[in-house]
């Protein structure tokens, strides 16, 4: 990429779509095992598989964007922010 990206905007747009498809798939992004199961399971209906494949593609894009940011010395915000209660436990 050119180095002129607007990372906060790109991440916000990407995260919005990831959250949308996670909701369609019934996946709690804070639960790693749910995300793994969603991406690994084959679904009987085409529409469910399409949502799962879209979620997988969006997650790959986010990883690539995070990698690019790290290479430039930037830190990406978390996809799922922890609640204050979970930080205390």
PDB file of N, CA and C in Angstrom:
ATOM      1  N   UNK A   1       0.834  -1.180   0.000  1.00  0.00           N
ATOM      2  CA  UNK A   1       0.000   0.000   0.000  1.00  0.00           C
ATOM      3  C   UNK A   1       0.881   1.246   0.000  1.00  0.00           C
ATOM      4  N   UNK A   2       0.284   2.375  -0.236  1.00  0.00           N
ATOM      5  CA  UNK A   2       1.025   3.601  -0.479  1.00  0.00           C
ATOM      6  C   UNK A   2       1.561   4.278   0.777  1.00  0.00           C
ATOM      7  N   UNK A   3       1.034   3.958   1.936  1.00  0.00           N
ATOM      8  CA  UNK A   3       1.441   4.644   3.147  1.00  0.00           C
ATOM      9  C   UNK A   3       0.599   5.871   3.443  1.00  0.00           C
ATOM     10  N   UNK A   4      -0.381   6.155   2.605  1.00  0.00           N
ATOM     11  CA  UNK A   4      -1.255   7.313   2.807  1.00  0.00           C
ATOM     12  C   UNK A   4      -2.645   6.884   3.274  1.00  0.00           C
ATOM     13  N   UNK A   5      -2.745   5.689   3.809  1.00  0.00           N
ATOM     14  CA  UNK A   5      -4.040   5.176   4.239  1.00  0.00           C
ATOM     15  C   UNK A   5      -4.544   5.927   5.469  1.00  0.00           C
ATOM     16  N   UNK A   6      -5.843   5.937   5.599  1.00  0.00           N
ATOM     17  CA  UNK A   6      -6.467   6.495   6.791  1.00  0.00           C
ATOM     18  C   UNK A   6      -6.843   5.300   7.664  1.00  0.00           C
ATOM     19  N   UNK A   7      -5.880   4.830   8.463  1.00  0.00           N
ATOM     20  CA  UNK A   7      -6.078   3.604   9.230  1.00  0.00           C
ATOM     21  C   UNK A   7      -7.277   3.654  10.173  1.00  0.00           C
ATOM     22  N   UNK A   8      -7.483   4.715  10.932  1.00  0.00           N
ATOM     23  CA  UNK A   8      -8.654   4.725  11.819  1.00  0.00           C
ATOM     24  C   UNK A   8      -9.970   4.549  11.050  1.00  0.00           C
ATOM     25  N   UNK A   9     -10.109   5.217   9.920  1.00  0.00           N
ATOM     26  CA  UNK A   9     -11.338   5.096   9.130  1.00  0.00           C
ATOM     27  C   UNK A   9     -11.466   3.693   8.539  1.00  0.00           C
ATOM     28  N   UNK A  10     -10.367   3.172   7.983  1.00  0.00           N
ATOM     29  CA  UNK A  10     -10.406   1.842   7.392  1.00  0.00           C
ATOM     30  C   UNK A  10     -10.758   0.781   8.427  1.00  0.00           C
ATOM     31  N   UNK A  11     -10.143   0.873   9.597  1.00  0.00           N
ATOM     32  CA  UNK A  11     -10.440  -0.092  10.662  1.00  0.00           C
ATOM     33  C   UNK A  11     -11.882   0.028  11.136  1.00  0.00           C
ATOM     34  N   UNK A  12     -12.372   1.241  11.281  1.00  0.00           N
ATOM     35  CA  UNK A  12     -13.752   1.439  11.739  1.00  0.00           C
ATOM     36  C   UNK A  12     -14.738   0.814  10.754  1.00  0.00           C
ATOM     37  N   UNK A  13     -14.509   1.037   9.461  1.00  0.00           N
ATOM     38  CA  UNK A  13     -15.399   0.463   8.445  1.00  0.00           C
ATOM     39  C   UNK A  13     -15.305  -1.065   8.436  1.00  0.00           C
ATOM     40  N   UNK A  14     -14.102  -1.584   8.517  1.00  0.00           N
ATOM     41  CA  UNK A  14     -13.894  -3.019   8.525  1.00  0.00           C
ATOM     42  C   UNK A  14     -14.511  -3.659   9.767  1.00  0.00           C
ATOM     43  N   UNK A  15     -14.275  -3.057  10.923  1.00  0.00           N
ATOM     44  CA  UNK A  15     -14.822  -3.588  12.175  1.00  0.00           C
ATOM     45  C   UNK A  15     -16.345  -3.580  12.166  1.00  0.00           C
ATOM     46  N   UNK A  16     -16.937  -2.554  11.581  1.00  0.00           N
ATOM     47  CA  UNK A  16     -18.402  -2.490  11.493  1.00  0.00           C
ATOM     48  C   UNK A  16     -18.938  -3.689  10.717  1.00  0.00           C
ATOM     49  N   UNK A  17     -18.288  -4.009   9.608  1.00  0.00           N
ATOM     50  CA  UNK A  17     -18.720  -5.160   8.793  1.00  0.00           C
ATOM     51  C   UNK A  17     -18.453  -6.477   9.518  1.00  0.00           C
ATOM     52  N   UNK A  18     -17.324  -6.573  10.201  1.00  0.00           N
ATOM     53  CA  UNK A  18     -17.020  -7.789  10.962  1.00  0.00           C
ATOM     54  C   UNK A  18     -18.080  -8.014  12.026  1.00  0.00           C
ATOM     55  N   UNK A  19     -18.442  -6.969  12.748  1.00  0.00           N
ATOM     56  CA  UNK A  19     -19.471  -7.100  13.789  1.00  0.00           C
ATOM     57  C   UNK A  19     -20.824  -7.472  13.170  1.00  0.00           C
ATOM     58  N   UNK A  20     -21.122  -6.917  12.014  1.00  0.00           N
ATOM     59  CA  UNK A  20     -22.382  -7.228  11.330  1.00  0.00           C
ATOM     60  C   UNK A  20     -22.445  -8.711  10.951  1.00  0.00           C
ATOM     61  N   UNK A  21     -21.388  -9.211  10.328  1.00  0.00           N
ATOM     62  CA  UNK A  21     -21.389 -10.620   9.919  1.00  0.00           C
ATOM     63  C   UNK A  21     -21.284 -11.555  11.114  1.00  0.00           C
ATOM     64  N   UNK A  22     -20.595 -11.144  12.167  1.00  0.00           N
ATOM     65  CA  UNK A  22     -20.550 -11.969  13.378  1.00  0.00           C
ATOM     66  C   UNK A  22     -21.953 -12.109  13.967  1.00  0.00           C
ATOM     67  N   UNK A  23     -22.727 -11.026  13.939  1.00  0.00           N
ATOM     68  CA  UNK A  23     -24.103 -11.083  14.434  1.00  0.00           C
ATOM     69  C   UNK A  23     -24.945 -12.011  13.559  1.00  0.00           C
ATOM     70  N   UNK A  24     -24.771 -11.937  12.248  1.00  0.00           N
ATOM     71  CA  UNK A  24     -25.510 -12.823  11.338  1.00  0.00           C
ATOM     72  C   UNK A  24     -25.176 -14.282  11.630  1.00  0.00           C
ATOM     73  N   UNK A  25     -23.905 -14.545  11.910  1.00  0.00           N
ATOM     74  CA  UNK A  25     -23.456 -15.920  12.183  1.00  0.00           C
ATOM     75  C   UNK A  25     -23.731 -16.347  13.622  1.00  0.00           C
ATOM     76  N   UNK A  26     -24.178 -15.411  14.455  1.00  0.00           N
ATOM     77  CA  UNK A  26     -24.435 -15.728  15.860  1.00  0.00           C
ATOM     78  C   UNK A  26     -23.155 -15.957  16.646  1.00  0.00           C
ATOM     79  N   UNK A  27     -22.121 -15.193  16.333  1.00  0.00           N
ATOM     80  CA  UNK A  27     -20.815 -15.370  16.961  1.00  0.00           C
ATOM     81  C   UNK A  27     -20.511 -14.200  17.881  1.00  0.00           C
ATOM     82  N   UNK A  28     -20.121 -14.517  19.100  1.00  0.00           N
ATOM     83  CA  UNK A  28     -19.645 -13.519  20.048  1.00  0.00           C
ATOM     84  C   UNK A  28     -18.146 -13.377  19.810  1.00  0.00           C
ATOM     85  N   UNK A  29     -17.718 -12.259  19.257  1.00  0.00           N
ATOM     86  CA  UNK A  29     -16.316 -12.073  18.899  1.00  0.00           C
ATOM     87  C   UNK A  29     -15.373 -12.122  20.093  1.00  0.00           C
ATOM     88  N   UNK A  30     -15.895 -11.932  21.291  1.00  0.00           N
ATOM     89  CA  UNK A  30     -15.042 -12.001  22.476  1.00  0.00           C
ATOM     90  C   UNK A  30     -14.772 -13.444  22.890  1.00  0.00           C
ATOM     91  N   UNK A  31     -15.482 -14.384  22.277  1.00  0.00           N
ATOM     92  CA  UNK A  31     -15.310 -15.805  22.580  1.00  0.00           C
ATOM     93  C   UNK A  31     -14.559 -16.476  21.424  1.00  0.00           C
ATOM     94  N   UNK A  32     -13.264 -16.655  21.605  1.00  0.00           N
ATOM     95  CA  UNK A  32     -12.404 -17.177  20.542  1.00  0.00           C
ATOM     96  C   UNK A  32     -12.907 -18.513  20.010  1.00  0.00           C
ATOM     97  N   UNK A  33     -13.381 -19.388  20.878  1.00  0.00           N
ATOM     98  CA  UNK A  33     -13.847 -20.705  20.434  1.00  0.00           C
ATOM     99  C   UNK A  33     -15.087 -20.600  19.540  1.00  0.00           C
ATOM    100  N   UNK A  34     -15.947 -19.622  19.782  1.00  0.00           N
ATOM    101  CA  UNK A  34     -17.119 -19.426  18.927  1.00  0.00           C
ATOM    102  C   UNK A  34     -16.699 -18.989  17.535  1.00  0.00           C
ATOM    103  N   UNK A  35     -15.745 -18.109  17.471  1.00  0.00           N
ATOM    104  CA  UNK A  35     -15.248 -17.627  16.190  1.00  0.00           C
ATOM    105  C   UNK A  35     -14.589 -18.767  15.417  1.00  0.00           C
ATOM    106  N   UNK A  36     -13.762 -19.553  16.082  1.00  0.00           N
ATOM    107  CA  UNK A  36     -13.122 -20.696  15.424  1.00  0.00           C
ATOM    108  C   UNK A  36     -14.157 -21.687  14.903  1.00  0.00           C
ATOM    109  N   UNK A  37     -15.171 -21.970  15.710  1.00  0.00           N
ATOM    110  CA  UNK A  37     -16.213 -22.915  15.295  1.00  0.00           C
ATOM    111  C   UNK A  37     -16.976 -22.398  14.086  1.00  0.00           C
ATOM    112  N   UNK A  38     -17.303 -21.124  14.092  1.00  0.00           N
ATOM    113  CA  UNK A  38     -18.031 -20.537  12.972  1.00  0.00           C
ATOM    114  C   UNK A  38     -17.230 -20.649  11.681  1.00  0.00           C
ATOM    115  N   UNK A  39     -15.948 -20.390  11.758  1.00  0.00           N
ATOM    116  CA  UNK A  39     -15.124 -20.412  10.566  1.00  0.00           C
ATOM    117  C   UNK A  39     -14.821 -21.832  10.091  1.00  0.00           C
ATOM    118  N   UNK A  40     -14.875 -22.799  10.992  1.00  0.00           N
ATOM    119  CA  UNK A  40     -14.547 -24.173  10.624  1.00  0.00           C
ATOM    120  C   UNK A  40     -15.763 -24.976  10.163  1.00  0.00           C
ATOM    121  N   UNK A  41     -16.948 -24.673  10.699  1.00  0.00           N
ATOM    122  CA  UNK A  41     -18.137 -25.471  10.396  1.00  0.00           C
ATOM    123  C   UNK A  41     -18.707 -25.155   9.030  1.00  0.00           C
ATOM    124  N   UNK A  42     -19.133 -26.198   8.344  1.00  0.00           N
ATOM    125  CA  UNK A  42     -19.860 -26.038   7.086  1.00  0.00           C
ATOM    126  C   UNK A  42     -21.348 -26.020   7.420  1.00  0.00           C
ATOM    127  N   UNK A  43     -22.079 -25.098   6.826  1.00  0.00           N
ATOM    128  CA  UNK A  43     -23.509 -24.974   7.090  1.00  0.00           C
ATOM    129  C   UNK A  43     -24.321 -25.555   5.945  1.00  0.00           C
ATOM    130  N   UNK A  44     -25.516 -26.011   6.266  1.00  0.00           N
ATOM    131  CA  UNK A  44     -26.368 -26.643   5.265  1.00  0.00           C
ATOM    132  C   UNK A  44     -26.905 -25.663   4.237  1.00  0.00           C
ATOM    133  N   UNK A  45     -27.208 -24.451   4.667  1.00  0.00           N
ATOM    134  CA  UNK A  45     -27.797 -23.502   3.717  1.00  0.00           C
ATOM    135  C   UNK A  45     -26.724 -22.593   3.129  1.00  0.00           C
ATOM    136  N   UNK A  46     -26.901 -22.239   1.873  1.00  0.00           N
ATOM    137  CA  UNK A  46     -25.947 -21.390   1.165  1.00  0.00           C
ATOM    138  C   UNK A  46     -25.803 -20.038   1.836  1.00  0.00           C
ATOM    139  N   UNK A  47     -26.899 -19.458   2.299  1.00  0.00           N
ATOM    140  CA  UNK A  47     -26.827 -18.119   2.896  1.00  0.00           C
ATOM    141  C   UNK A  47     -25.999 -18.116   4.175  1.00  0.00           C
ATOM    142  N   UNK A  48     -26.114 -19.173   4.973  1.00  0.00           N
ATOM    143  CA  UNK A  48     -25.292 -19.256   6.182  1.00  0.00           C
ATOM    144  C   UNK A  48     -23.815 -19.393   5.826  1.00  0.00           C
ATOM    145  N   UNK A  49     -23.504 -20.203   4.835  1.00  0.00           N
ATOM    146  CA  UNK A  49     -22.122 -20.358   4.410  1.00  0.00           C
ATOM    147  C   UNK A  49     -21.572 -19.052   3.843  1.00  0.00           C
ATOM    148  N   UNK A  50     -22.391 -18.333   3.113  1.00  0.00           N
ATOM    149  CA  UNK A  50     -21.945 -17.066   2.519  1.00  0.00           C
ATOM    150  C   UNK A  50     -21.576 -16.065   3.617  1.00  0.00           C
ATOM    151  N   UNK A  51     -22.379 -15.989   4.652  1.00  0.00           N
ATOM    152  CA  UNK A  51     -22.083 -15.085   5.770  1.00  0.00           C
ATOM    153  C   UNK A  51     -20.799 -15.508   6.466  1.00  0.00           C
ATOM    154  N   UNK A  52     -20.624 -16.799   6.663  1.00  0.00           N
ATOM    155  CA  UNK A  52     -19.413 -17.317   7.313  1.00  0.00           C
ATOM    156  C   UNK A  52     -18.180 -16.998   6.468  1.00  0.00           C
ATOM    157  N   UNK A  53     -18.290 -17.199   5.165  1.00  0.00           N
ATOM    158  CA  UNK A  53     -17.158 -16.910   4.281  1.00  0.00           C
ATOM    159  C   UNK A  53     -16.851 -15.408   4.252  1.00  0.00           C
ATOM    160  N   UNK A  54     -17.889 -14.588   4.293  1.00  0.00           N
ATOM    161  CA  UNK A  54     -17.673 -13.132   4.335  1.00  0.00           C
ATOM    162  C   UNK A  54     -16.972 -12.734   5.618  1.00  0.00           C
ATOM    163  N   UNK A  55     -17.392 -13.305   6.735  1.00  0.00           N
ATOM    164  CA  UNK A  55     -16.748 -13.022   8.017  1.00  0.00           C
ATOM    165  C   UNK A  55     -15.286 -13.439   7.975  1.00  0.00           C
ATOM    166  N   UNK A  56     -15.015 -14.598   7.440  1.00  0.00           N
ATOM    167  CA  UNK A  56     -13.636 -15.075   7.349  1.00  0.00           C
ATOM    168  C   UNK A  56     -12.787 -14.119   6.506  1.00  0.00           C
ATOM    169  N   UNK A  57     -13.294 -13.702   5.375  1.00  0.00           N
ATOM    170  CA  UNK A  57     -12.558 -12.778   4.516  1.00  0.00           C
ATOM    171  C   UNK A  57     -12.299 -11.446   5.185  1.00  0.00           C
ATOM    172  N   UNK A  58     -13.286 -10.936   5.900  1.00  0.00           N
ATOM    173  CA  UNK A  58     -13.119  -9.666   6.613  1.00  0.00           C
ATOM    174  C   UNK A  58     -12.072  -9.775   7.711  1.00  0.00           C
ATOM    175  N   UNK A  59     -12.053 -10.907   8.406  1.00  0.00           N
ATOM    176  CA  UNK A  59     -11.047 -11.104   9.453  1.00  0.00           C
ATOM    177  C   UNK A  59      -9.641 -11.171   8.860  1.00  0.00           C
ATOM    178  N   UNK A  60      -9.511 -11.809   7.696  1.00  0.00           N
ATOM    179  CA  UNK A  60      -8.209 -11.863   7.029  1.00  0.00           C
ATOM    180  C   UNK A  60      -7.763 -10.453   6.627  1.00  0.00           C
ATOM    181  N   UNK A  61      -8.689  -9.654   6.105  1.00  0.00           N
ATOM    182  CA  UNK A  61      -8.357  -8.279   5.740  1.00  0.00           C
ATOM    183  C   UNK A  61      -7.900  -7.485   6.954  1.00  0.00           C
ATOM    184  N   UNK A  62      -8.572  -7.693   8.084  1.00  0.00           N
ATOM    185  CA  UNK A  62      -8.190  -6.950   9.297  1.00  0.00           C
ATOM    186  C   UNK A  62      -6.791  -7.346   9.746  1.00  0.00           C
ATOM    187  N   UNK A  63      -6.487  -8.625   9.673  1.00  0.00           N
ATOM    188  CA  UNK A  63      -5.148  -9.084  10.059  1.00  0.00           C
ATOM    189  C   UNK A  63      -4.094  -8.448   9.155  1.00  0.00           C
ATOM    190  N   UNK A  64      -4.383  -8.382   7.861  1.00  0.00           N
ATOM    191  CA  UNK A  64      -3.429  -7.763   6.929  1.00  0.00           C
ATOM    192  C   UNK A  64      -3.254  -6.273   7.228  1.00  0.00           C
ATOM    193  N   UNK A  65      -4.334  -5.600   7.548  1.00  0.00           N
ATOM    194  CA  UNK A  65      -4.258  -4.175   7.876  1.00  0.00           C
ATOM    195  C   UNK A  65      -3.478  -3.963   9.179  1.00  0.00           C
ATOM    196  N   UNK A  66      -3.730  -4.815  10.171  1.00  0.00           N
ATOM    197  CA  UNK A  66      -2.987  -4.721  11.429  1.00  0.00           C
ATOM    198  C   UNK A  66      -1.495  -4.950  11.189  1.00  0.00           C
ATOM    199  N   UNK A  67      -1.165  -5.918  10.343  1.00  0.00           N
ATOM    200  CA  UNK A  67       0.234  -6.214  10.033  1.00  0.00           C
ATOM    201  C   UNK A  67       0.905  -5.011   9.383  1.00  0.00           C
ATOM    202  N   UNK A  68       0.215  -4.391   8.448  1.00  0.00           N
ATOM    203  CA  UNK A  68       0.754  -3.202   7.785  1.00  0.00           C
ATOM    204  C   UNK A  68       0.972  -2.077   8.791  1.00  0.00           C
ATOM    205  N   UNK A  69       0.019  -1.914   9.694  1.00  0.00           N
ATOM    206  CA  UNK A  69       0.154  -0.868  10.710  1.00  0.00           C
ATOM    207  C   UNK A  69       1.361  -1.139  11.606  1.00  0.00           C
ATOM    208  N   UNK A  70       1.522  -2.392  12.034  1.00  0.00           N
ATOM    209  CA  UNK A  70       2.654  -2.748  12.890  1.00  0.00           C
ATOM    210  C   UNK A  70       3.982  -2.485  12.182  1.00  0.00           C
ATOM    211  N   UNK A  71       4.035  -2.793  10.888  1.00  0.00           N
ATOM    212  CA  UNK A  71       5.255  -2.541  10.109  1.00  0.00           C
ATOM    213  C   UNK A  71       5.594  -1.055  10.067  1.00  0.00           C
ATOM    214  N   UNK A  72       4.596  -0.202  10.224  1.00  0.00           N
ATOM    215  CA  UNK A  72       4.818   1.240  10.212  1.00  0.00           C
ATOM    216  C   UNK A  72       4.915   1.819  11.626  1.00  0.00           C
ATOM    217  N   UNK A  73       4.952   0.937  12.621  1.00  0.00           N
ATOM    218  CA  UNK A  73       5.105   1.376  13.999  1.00  0.00           C
ATOM    219  C   UNK A  73       3.813   1.847  14.644  1.00  0.00           C
ATOM    220  N   UNK A  74       2.684   1.483  14.061  1.00  0.00           N
ATOM    221  CA  UNK A  74       1.379   1.875  14.602  1.00  0.00           C
ATOM    222  C   UNK A  74       0.729   0.683  15.283  1.00  0.00           C
ATOM    223  N   UNK A  75      -0.161   0.962  16.206  1.00  0.00           N
ATOM    224  CA  UNK A  75      -0.873  -0.100  16.913  1.00  0.00           C
ATOM    225  C   UNK A  75      -2.353  -0.008  16.597  1.00  0.00           C
ATOM    226  N   UNK A  76      -2.938  -1.133  16.200  1.00  0.00           N
ATOM    227  CA  UNK A  76      -4.361  -1.177  15.875  1.00  0.00           C
ATOM    228  C   UNK A  76      -5.181  -1.355  17.155  1.00  0.00           C
ATOM    229  N   UNK A  77      -6.340  -0.710  17.228  1.00  0.00           N
ATOM    230  CA  UNK A  77      -7.215  -0.935  18.380  1.00  0.00           C
ATOM    231  C   UNK A  77      -7.758  -2.361  18.345  1.00  0.00           C
ATOM    232  N   UNK A  78      -8.154  -2.852  19.494  1.00  0.00           N
ATOM    233  CA  UNK A  78      -8.735  -4.191  19.566  1.00  0.00           C
ATOM    234  C   UNK A  78     -10.052  -4.240  18.803  1.00  0.00           C
ATOM    235  N   UNK A  79     -10.332  -5.379  18.210  1.00  0.00           N
ATOM    236  CA  UNK A  79     -11.601  -5.583  17.524  1.00  0.00           C
ATOM    237  C   UNK A  79     -12.741  -5.598  18.536  1.00  0.00           C
ATOM    238  N   UNK A  80     -12.518  -6.271  19.640  1.00  0.00           N
ATOM    239  CA  UNK A  80     -13.508  -6.353  20.711  1.00  0.00           C
ATOM    240  C   UNK A  80     -12.886  -5.740  21.946  1.00  0.00           C
ATOM    241  N   UNK A  81     -13.479  -4.674  22.409  1.00  0.00           N
ATOM    242  CA  UNK A  81     -12.966  -4.013  23.595  1.00  0.00           C
ATOM    243  C   UNK A  81     -13.440  -4.760  24.845  1.00  0.00           C
ATOM    244  N   UNK A  82     -12.549  -4.874  25.809  1.00  0.00           N
ATOM    245  CA  UNK A  82     -12.909  -5.546  27.051  1.00  0.00           C
ATOM    246  C   UNK A  82     -13.746  -4.615  27.901  1.00  0.00           C
ATOM    247  N   UNK A  83     -14.711  -5.199  28.612  1.00  0.00           N
ATOM    248  CA  UNK A  83     -15.493  -4.403  29.543  1.00  0.00           C
ATOM    249  C   UNK A  83     -14.655  -4.174  30.792  1.00  0.00           C
ATOM    250  N   UNK A  84     -14.956  -3.103  31.535  1.00  0.00           N
ATOM    251  CA  UNK A  84     -14.179  -2.827  32.769  1.00  0.00           C
ATOM    252  C   UNK A  84     -14.234  -3.993  33.763  1.00  0.00           C
ATOM    253  N   UNK A  85     -15.343  -4.734  33.816  1.00  0.00           N
ATOM    254  CA  UNK A  85     -15.459  -5.848  34.733  1.00  0.00           C
ATOM    255  C   UNK A  85     -14.493  -6.960  34.382  1.00  0.00           C
ATOM    256  N   UNK A  86     -14.309  -7.247  33.077  1.00  0.00           N
ATOM    257  CA  UNK A  86     -13.432  -8.339  32.685  1.00  0.00           C
ATOM    258  C   UNK A  86     -11.964  -8.009  32.936  1.00  0.00           C
ATOM    259  N   UNK A  87     -11.604  -6.733  32.998  1.00  0.00           N
ATOM    260  CA  UNK A  87     -10.236  -6.355  33.275  1.00  0.00           C
ATOM    261  C   UNK A  87      -9.879  -6.577  34.738  1.00  0.00           C
ATOM    262  N   UNK A  88     -10.877  -6.504  35.630  1.00  0.00           N
ATOM    263  CA  UNK A  88     -10.638  -6.681  37.058  1.00  0.00           C
ATOM    264  C   UNK A  88     -10.509  -8.143  37.443  1.00  0.00           C
ATOM    265  N   UNK A  89     -11.020  -9.025  36.653  1.00  0.00           N
ATOM    266  CA  UNK A  89     -11.056 -10.447  37.035  1.00  0.00           C
ATOM    267  C   UNK A  89      -9.793 -11.166  36.665  1.00  0.00           C
TER     268      UNK A  89
END
